[in-house]
Amino acid sequence: MHSAVAHPSGRRRSDVRDDDLAALRREVRAFLSAASFTPRCDNWMRGVDSGFTAAVAAQGWIGMTWPQEYGGGGRSNVARLAVTEELLRAGAPVGAHWTADRQIGPVILRHGTERLRREFLPAICRGEVLVCLGLSETEAGSDLAAVRTRAVPAPGGWSISGAKTWTTSAHLATHAYVLARTGPADPRHEGLTEFLVDMDTPGITVRPILDLVGEHHFNEVFLDEVFVPEHRVLGTVGAGWKQVTEQLAFERGGPERYLSTYPLLAALVDAVRRHPDRAAVERLGALTGRLAGLRALSTALAAAIDVGAAPTREAAALKVLGAQFEKDVVEEGRYVLDVTGGLEDATAAALLVDAVTAVPAGSVRGGASDVLRTVLGRAESTGGTR
């Protein structure tokens, strides 16, 4: 079997065959078996390891779908999905390149100037760019149309002032993607613009937000008259709403939405194999069935992106369903490890702690689940339009 795919620009790619994908998965598994890291849940966010990212880049697995002229691999999003699923299943520390590879690079390809493409894409492919997302704000939450961070024209560019919160890895990032208001909010979705900002620019202050166990992944980011050169505008001034909603299809529709807790799920399966329990088997069976459905939806999303679509509604659905699935993995994990004695296994217990601390954020990051349910409901009420 095979599926025909195309570059986002519309150019056809070679067909992707199932046996090619199987060989690719075997290649990734061999790479992972030789790598040295401690598997963790949610390691696409908490696991920032520049050495591991450099090794992934050397394999050609960053920027896989991008044109070769920019350092990419020219492959399909379906092939990229095979690689990212394997990395997530293993709990590998991919945080140093995840955001840049997942969404910033594709958005630069869609909306960036040739100068931005040449500046950023090859460096991302080499694993040299760590991007944090300056989207959420304390008073706006997940309502991006309500952002108050403002950019005003300055000689040679723009001056940005405002504050962002829940900004993952801002303390380690080389660059920030910032959504700011450049015009009046009339209507409220108008007047937004995207920027790419160097994190060492004067006027940027980063303050840590510690999670439930005292680990530092999230941050507040304050911007005080931060100068951004004109060429660092991403896309069209004032068209940020349309562009950011397209971008969120890449963020919300990826396998991290249902595989962040996979290392724990695998540990639960091992626990039941060692100490069989009928109720535990039934609970894990139900989770496995749901996981298969989520993977099918994610594959369909990847195929849609391959033909140039921005499937925002389907991505929102995957994000909502994936967040609930991961909550249920934690709940069932407590039961399974209890009845099988798995909590005596230090590795399984540590994975449970990882998942417990990570899962609450799953319903918020990438868009709050209640907001996304509203988006989906409105889409259905208007005939399923995106």
Protein backbone atom coordinates (compact mmCIF):
# COMPACT_ATOMS: atom_id res chain seq x y z
CA MET A 1 0.00 0.00 0.00
CA HIS A 2 1.07 3.57 -0.54
CA SER A 3 -0.22 7.11 -0.36
CA ALA A 4 0.52 9.98 -2.72
CA VAL A 5 1.73 13.14 -1.03
CA ALA A 6 2.73 16.61 -2.06
CA HIS A 7 4.93 19.43 -0.88
CA PRO A 8 2.98 22.29 0.77
CA SER A 9 3.80 24.38 -2.30
CA GLY A 10 1.82 21.91 -4.40
CA ARG A 11 4.76 20.00 -5.94
CA ARG A 12 4.26 16.24 -5.94
CA ARG A 13 6.50 14.05 -3.83
CA SER A 14 7.35 10.40 -4.27
CA ASP A 15 4.77 8.00 -2.90
CA VAL A 16 5.23 6.79 0.66
CA ARG A 17 4.99 3.01 0.99
CA ASP A 18 4.19 1.10 4.11
CA ASP A 19 7.38 -0.94 3.83
CA ASP A 20 9.40 2.29 3.57
CA LEU A 21 7.80 3.55 6.77
CA ALA A 22 8.48 0.25 8.52
CA ALA A 23 12.14 0.44 7.51
CA LEU A 24 12.29 4.04 8.74
CA ARG A 25 10.83 3.03 12.10
CA ARG A 26 13.43 0.27 12.42
CA GLU A 27 16.16 2.80 11.68
CA VAL A 28 14.91 5.14 14.40
CA ARG A 29 14.60 2.31 16.92
CA ALA A 30 18.17 1.23 16.23
CA PHE A 31 19.34 4.80 16.75
CA LEU A 32 17.44 5.05 20.04
CA SER A 33 18.77 1.74 21.32
CA ALA A 34 22.31 3.04 20.90
CA ALA A 35 21.59 6.45 22.44
CA SER A 36 22.09 7.30 26.10
CA PHE A 37 19.20 9.02 27.89
CA THR A 38 16.68 8.43 30.65
CA PRO A 39 13.17 7.91 29.24
CA ARG A 40 10.63 10.31 30.67
CA CYS A 41 7.02 11.22 30.06
CA ASP A 42 6.50 14.58 28.36
CA ASN A 43 10.14 14.66 27.30
CA TRP A 44 9.36 16.66 24.17
CA MET A 45 8.85 19.55 26.58
CA ARG A 46 11.00 18.84 29.65
CA GLY A 47 13.88 17.04 27.95
CA VAL A 48 16.24 19.65 26.48
CA ASP A 49 19.46 17.92 25.43
CA SER A 50 21.45 19.76 22.76
CA GLY A 51 23.74 16.76 22.23
CA PHE A 52 20.82 14.44 21.55
CA THR A 53 19.26 17.02 19.22
CA ALA A 54 22.58 17.30 17.32
CA ALA A 55 22.57 13.52 16.87
CA VAL A 56 18.97 13.58 15.60
CA ALA A 57 19.91 16.37 13.20
CA ALA A 58 22.85 14.34 11.90
CA GLN A 59 20.36 11.60 10.95
CA GLY A 60 18.38 14.10 8.86
CA TRP A 61 15.33 13.88 11.14
CA ILE A 62 14.88 17.61 11.75
CA GLY A 63 13.23 19.51 8.93
CA MET A 64 12.45 16.21 7.25
CA THR A 65 9.59 17.64 5.20
CA TRP A 66 11.28 20.84 4.11
CA PRO A 67 12.86 21.46 0.68
CA GLN A 68 16.44 20.31 0.35
CA GLU A 69 17.52 23.79 -0.73
CA TYR A 70 16.93 24.89 2.87
CA GLY A 71 18.68 21.92 4.43
CA GLY A 72 15.56 19.77 4.67
CA GLY A 73 14.94 16.21 3.62
CA GLY A 74 12.09 16.71 1.12
CA ARG A 75 10.13 13.87 2.69
CA SER A 76 6.47 13.56 3.62
CA ASN A 77 4.74 14.51 6.85
CA VAL A 78 3.63 10.88 7.09
CA ALA A 79 7.31 9.85 7.17
CA ARG A 80 8.02 12.55 9.74
CA LEU A 81 5.16 11.20 11.85
CA ALA A 82 6.82 7.77 11.87
CA VAL A 83 10.03 9.30 13.24
CA THR A 84 8.34 11.50 15.84
CA GLU A 85 6.15 8.66 17.09
CA GLU A 86 9.22 6.52 17.70
CA LEU A 87 11.04 9.34 19.51
CA LEU A 88 8.03 9.99 21.73
CA ARG A 89 7.41 6.30 22.44
CA ALA A 90 10.96 6.05 23.71
CA GLY A 91 10.58 9.12 25.96
CA ALA A 92 13.57 10.72 24.23
CA PRO A 93 14.76 14.27 25.15
CA VAL A 94 13.74 16.12 21.99
CA GLY A 95 12.81 19.47 23.57
CA ALA A 96 15.77 21.38 22.11
CA HIS A 97 14.38 21.17 18.57
CA TRP A 98 10.73 20.17 18.95
CA THR A 99 8.95 23.51 18.56
CA ALA A 100 11.20 24.82 15.81
CA ASP A 101 10.81 21.61 13.83
CA ARG A 102 7.11 21.09 14.54
CA GLN A 103 5.65 24.49 13.75
CA ILE A 104 8.04 27.41 13.36
CA GLY A 105 9.87 25.98 10.36
CA PRO A 106 6.64 25.09 8.51
CA VAL A 107 5.24 28.57 9.21
CA ILE A 108 8.40 30.20 7.88
CA LEU A 109 8.04 28.08 4.76
CA ARG A 110 4.42 29.14 4.30
CA HIS A 111 4.66 32.82 5.21
CA GLY A 112 8.29 33.84 5.64
CA THR A 113 10.41 35.84 3.24
CA GLU A 114 13.26 34.22 1.38
CA ARG A 115 15.62 36.00 3.76
CA LEU A 116 13.92 34.40 6.78
CA ARG A 117 13.98 30.99 5.14
CA ARG A 118 17.71 31.22 4.47
CA GLU A 119 18.40 32.57 7.95
CA PHE A 120 16.41 30.08 9.99
CA LEU A 121 15.65 26.83 8.19
CA PRO A 122 19.18 25.45 7.68
CA ALA A 123 20.06 26.33 11.29
CA ILE A 124 16.93 24.57 12.57
CA CYS A 125 17.83 21.50 10.52
CA ARG A 126 21.26 21.49 12.18
CA GLY A 127 19.62 21.58 15.62
CA GLU A 128 20.99 25.02 16.44
CA VAL A 129 17.71 26.88 17.04
CA LEU A 130 15.55 26.51 20.15
CA VAL A 131 12.32 28.50 19.81
CA CYS A 132 9.94 29.37 22.63
CA LEU A 133 6.36 30.43 21.96
CA GLY A 134 5.28 33.87 23.11
CA LEU A 135 1.54 33.32 22.82
CA SER A 136 -0.31 32.96 26.15
CA GLU A 137 -0.79 35.94 28.42
CA THR A 138 -2.03 36.16 31.99
CA GLU A 139 -5.18 38.10 31.13
CA ALA A 140 -5.81 36.52 27.72
CA GLY A 141 -5.18 32.87 28.53
CA SER A 142 -5.77 30.75 25.43
CA ASP A 143 -7.81 33.50 23.75
CA LEU A 144 -5.15 34.71 21.34
CA ALA A 145 -7.42 37.42 19.96
CA ALA A 146 -7.22 39.07 23.40
CA VAL A 147 -3.42 39.45 23.55
CA ARG A 148 -2.23 42.81 24.90
CA THR A 149 1.44 42.64 23.97
CA ARG A 150 1.88 45.51 21.55
CA ALA A 151 4.34 46.25 18.75
CA VAL A 152 4.72 49.81 17.48
CA PRO A 153 6.78 50.99 14.52
CA ALA A 154 10.35 52.04 15.26
CA PRO A 155 13.16 53.17 12.95
CA GLY A 156 14.19 50.06 11.00
CA GLY A 157 11.63 47.78 12.63
CA TRP A 158 9.33 47.45 15.60
CA SER A 159 9.38 47.95 19.37
CA ILE A 160 7.54 45.27 21.37
CA SER A 161 6.29 45.65 24.95
CA GLY A 162 4.19 43.24 26.96
CA ALA A 163 4.30 39.99 28.91
CA LYS A 164 3.88 36.31 28.03
CA THR A 165 3.35 33.41 30.40
CA TRP A 166 3.66 29.61 30.46
CA THR A 167 6.46 30.00 27.94
CA THR A 168 8.22 26.65 27.77
CA SER A 169 12.05 26.71 27.68
CA ALA A 170 12.27 30.51 27.38
CA HIS A 171 15.26 30.37 29.74
CA LEU A 172 17.10 28.16 27.24
CA ALA A 173 15.75 29.48 23.94
CA THR A 174 17.77 31.18 21.23
CA HIS A 175 14.66 32.76 19.71
CA ALA A 176 11.07 33.56 20.56
CA TYR A 177 8.04 33.51 18.35
CA VAL A 178 5.92 36.46 19.56
CA LEU A 179 2.32 37.29 18.68
CA ALA A 180 1.70 41.00 19.24
CA ARG A 181 -0.93 43.57 18.44
CA THR A 182 0.09 46.06 15.75
CA GLY A 183 -3.32 47.54 14.96
CA PRO A 184 -6.81 48.09 16.36
CA ALA A 185 -8.85 45.08 17.47
CA ASP A 186 -11.85 45.89 15.28
CA PRO A 187 -12.92 43.23 14.74
CA ARG A 188 -11.02 41.59 17.59
CA HIS A 189 -9.14 39.10 15.38
CA GLU A 190 -7.62 41.87 13.29
CA GLY A 191 -4.41 43.80 13.94
CA LEU A 192 -2.19 40.91 15.07
CA THR A 193 1.33 40.28 13.76
CA GLU A 194 3.90 37.52 14.25
CA PHE A 195 7.56 38.23 15.00
CA LEU A 196 10.76 36.20 15.39
CA VAL A 197 12.83 37.69 18.21
CA ASP A 198 16.39 36.99 19.37
CA MET A 199 16.21 36.06 23.06
CA ASP A 200 19.42 37.97 23.82
CA THR A 201 17.86 41.25 22.70
CA PRO A 202 18.01 43.99 25.39
CA GLY A 203 14.70 44.45 27.18
CA ILE A 204 13.79 40.77 27.58
CA THR A 205 13.46 39.39 31.11
CA VAL A 206 12.69 35.72 31.84
CA ARG A 207 11.34 34.56 35.21
CA PRO A 208 10.87 30.88 36.08
CA ILE A 209 7.57 29.15 36.89
CA LEU A 210 8.23 25.91 38.77
CA ASP A 211 5.98 22.88 38.33
CA LEU A 212 4.46 20.71 41.06
CA VAL A 213 7.74 18.94 41.81
CA GLY A 214 9.92 22.04 41.57
CA GLU A 215 11.20 21.52 38.01
CA HIS A 216 11.73 24.50 35.74
CA HIS A 217 10.14 24.23 32.28
CA PHE A 218 7.74 27.17 32.17
CA ASN A 219 8.49 30.88 32.36
CA GLU A 220 7.10 34.36 32.33
CA VAL A 221 8.66 36.53 29.65
CA PHE A 222 8.60 40.31 29.91
CA LEU A 223 9.34 42.50 26.89
CA ASP A 224 10.20 46.15 27.53
CA GLU A 225 10.58 48.10 24.29
CA VAL A 226 12.33 45.16 22.62
CA PHE A 227 13.57 46.14 19.17
CA VAL A 228 12.86 43.71 16.33
CA PRO A 229 14.24 44.41 12.84
CA GLU A 230 11.71 44.83 10.05
CA HIS A 231 12.82 41.64 8.32
CA ARG A 232 11.89 39.59 11.40
CA VAL A 233 8.17 40.09 10.79
CA LEU A 234 6.76 36.69 9.93
CA GLY A 235 4.24 36.99 7.12
CA THR A 236 2.02 40.01 6.66
CA VAL A 237 1.59 42.78 9.21
CA GLY A 238 -1.91 42.51 10.64
CA ALA A 239 -2.54 39.00 9.28
CA GLY A 240 -1.32 37.22 12.39
CA TRP A 241 -4.68 35.69 13.32
CA LYS A 242 -5.02 33.69 10.10
CA GLN A 243 -1.37 32.68 10.24
CA VAL A 244 -1.39 31.64 13.90
CA THR A 245 -4.52 29.52 13.49
CA GLU A 246 -2.80 27.70 10.63
CA GLN A 247 0.29 27.27 12.80
CA LEU A 248 -1.75 25.75 15.61
CA ALA A 249 -2.70 22.89 13.28
CA PHE A 250 0.95 21.85 13.46
CA GLU A 251 1.06 22.30 17.24
CA ARG A 252 -2.25 20.67 18.14
CA GLY A 253 -2.26 17.86 15.61
CA GLY A 254 1.00 16.11 16.47
CA PRO A 255 1.63 12.77 18.19
CA GLU A 256 2.81 14.46 21.39
CA ARG A 257 -0.87 15.05 22.12
CA TYR A 258 -1.36 11.33 22.79
CA LEU A 259 2.15 9.91 23.27
CA SER A 260 3.48 12.14 26.05
CA THR A 261 2.53 9.43 28.57
CA TYR A 262 3.49 6.47 26.38
CA PRO A 263 6.53 5.50 28.50
CA LEU A 264 4.14 5.10 31.44
CA LEU A 265 1.65 3.13 29.34
CA ALA A 266 4.43 0.76 28.26
CA ALA A 267 5.45 0.32 31.90
CA LEU A 268 1.83 -0.57 32.76
CA VAL A 269 1.80 -3.25 30.08
CA ASP A 270 5.05 -4.69 31.47
CA ALA A 271 3.59 -4.68 34.99
CA VAL A 272 0.53 -6.66 33.86
CA ARG A 273 2.70 -9.14 32.01
CA ARG A 274 4.65 -9.80 35.19
CA HIS A 275 1.57 -9.91 37.42
CA PRO A 276 -1.57 -10.68 35.35
CA ASP A 277 -4.82 -9.12 36.52
CA ARG A 278 -8.01 -9.38 34.48
CA ALA A 279 -9.40 -5.96 35.36
CA ALA A 280 -6.05 -4.33 34.65
CA VAL A 281 -5.85 -6.08 31.27
CA GLU A 282 -9.33 -4.84 30.37
CA ARG A 283 -8.48 -1.27 31.31
CA LEU A 284 -5.27 -1.34 29.31
CA GLY A 285 -7.13 -2.87 26.38
CA ALA A 286 -9.56 0.05 26.36
CA LEU A 287 -6.67 2.52 26.39
CA THR A 288 -4.93 0.68 23.57
CA GLY A 289 -8.06 0.84 21.41
CA ARG A 290 -8.33 4.58 21.94
CA LEU A 291 -4.64 5.01 21.16
CA ALA A 292 -5.14 3.26 17.82
CA GLY A 293 -7.91 5.72 16.96
CA LEU A 294 -5.78 8.71 17.90
CA ARG A 295 -2.91 7.44 15.78
CA ALA A 296 -5.25 7.02 12.80
CA LEU A 297 -6.46 10.61 13.20
CA SER A 298 -2.89 11.89 13.49
CA THR A 299 -1.90 10.00 10.32
CA ALA A 300 -4.84 11.56 8.48
CA LEU A 301 -3.73 15.00 9.66
CA ALA A 302 -0.18 14.40 8.41
CA ALA A 303 -1.52 13.29 5.03
CA ALA A 304 -3.71 16.41 4.83
CA ILE A 305 -0.75 18.68 5.54
CA ASP A 306 1.19 16.82 2.83
CA VAL A 307 -1.30 18.03 0.21
CA GLY A 308 -1.11 21.62 1.42
CA ALA A 309 -4.09 21.75 3.79
CA ALA A 310 -4.15 23.38 7.23
CA PRO A 311 -6.60 21.04 9.02
CA THR A 312 -7.26 23.25 12.04
CA ARG A 313 -10.57 21.65 13.03
CA GLU A 314 -9.23 18.11 12.94
CA ALA A 315 -6.12 19.22 14.85
CA ALA A 316 -8.33 20.75 17.55
CA ALA A 317 -10.26 17.49 17.82
CA LEU A 318 -7.05 15.47 18.19
CA LYS A 319 -5.78 17.84 20.84
CA VAL A 320 -8.99 17.57 22.93
CA LEU A 321 -9.18 13.79 22.59
CA GLY A 322 -5.47 13.37 23.26
CA ALA A 323 -5.57 15.48 26.43
CA GLN A 324 -8.38 13.35 27.85
CA PHE A 325 -6.61 10.14 26.82
CA GLU A 326 -3.46 11.14 28.68
CA LYS A 327 -5.44 11.99 31.81
CA ASP A 328 -6.99 8.53 31.65
CA VAL A 329 -3.56 6.90 31.23
CA VAL A 330 -2.59 8.45 34.57
CA GLU A 331 -5.80 7.38 36.29
CA GLU A 332 -5.58 3.83 35.01
CA GLY A 333 -1.87 3.84 35.78
CA ARG A 334 -2.57 4.39 39.45
CA TYR A 335 -4.91 1.41 39.49
CA VAL A 336 -2.71 -0.93 37.44
CA LEU A 337 0.47 -0.23 39.39
CA ASP A 338 -1.46 -0.68 42.64
CA VAL A 339 -2.99 -4.08 41.82
CA THR A 340 0.18 -5.43 40.19
CA GLY A 341 2.62 -4.16 42.79
CA GLY A 342 4.24 -2.05 40.09
CA LEU A 343 4.84 0.88 42.43
CA GLU A 344 7.73 -1.13 43.86
CA ASP A 345 9.43 -0.71 40.48
CA ALA A 346 11.38 2.55 40.79
CA THR A 347 11.26 3.21 37.03
CA ALA A 348 7.50 2.77 36.78
CA ALA A 349 6.94 4.88 39.89
CA ALA A 350 9.10 7.67 38.46
CA LEU A 351 7.19 7.60 35.17
CA LEU A 352 3.92 7.88 37.07
CA VAL A 353 5.24 10.97 38.88
CA ASP A 354 6.33 12.43 35.53
CA ALA A 355 2.88 11.87 34.07
CA VAL A 356 1.01 13.17 37.11
CA THR A 357 2.93 16.45 36.99
CA ALA A 358 2.69 16.83 33.20
CA VAL A 359 -0.89 15.87 32.44
CA PRO A 360 -2.67 18.84 34.08
CA ALA A 361 -1.02 21.18 31.56
CA GLY A 362 -2.15 19.01 28.67
CA SER A 363 -5.65 20.47 28.67
CA VAL A 364 -4.26 24.02 28.50
CA ARG A 365 -1.11 24.12 26.34
CA GLY A 366 -1.83 24.41 22.65
CA GLY A 367 -5.27 25.78 23.51
CA ALA A 368 -7.55 25.14 26.46
CA SER A 369 -9.83 22.14 25.94
CA ASP A 370 -13.01 24.06 26.78
CA VAL A 371 -12.13 26.74 24.22
CA LEU A 372 -11.38 24.11 21.58
CA ARG A 373 -14.68 22.35 22.27
CA THR A 374 -16.40 25.64 21.54
CA VAL A 375 -14.43 25.95 18.30
CA LEU A 376 -15.45 22.44 17.28
CA GLY A 377 -19.07 23.02 18.20
CA ARG A 378 -19.25 26.18 16.14
CA ALA A 379 -17.64 24.41 13.20
CA GLU A 380 -20.24 21.66 13.32
CA SER A 381 -23.11 24.14 13.68
CA THR A 382 -21.98 25.92 10.53
CA GLY A 383 -21.72 22.78 8.48
CA GLY A 384 -18.27 21.66 9.53
CA THR A 385 -16.35 24.59 8.04
CA ARG A 386 -12.88 25.20 9.41
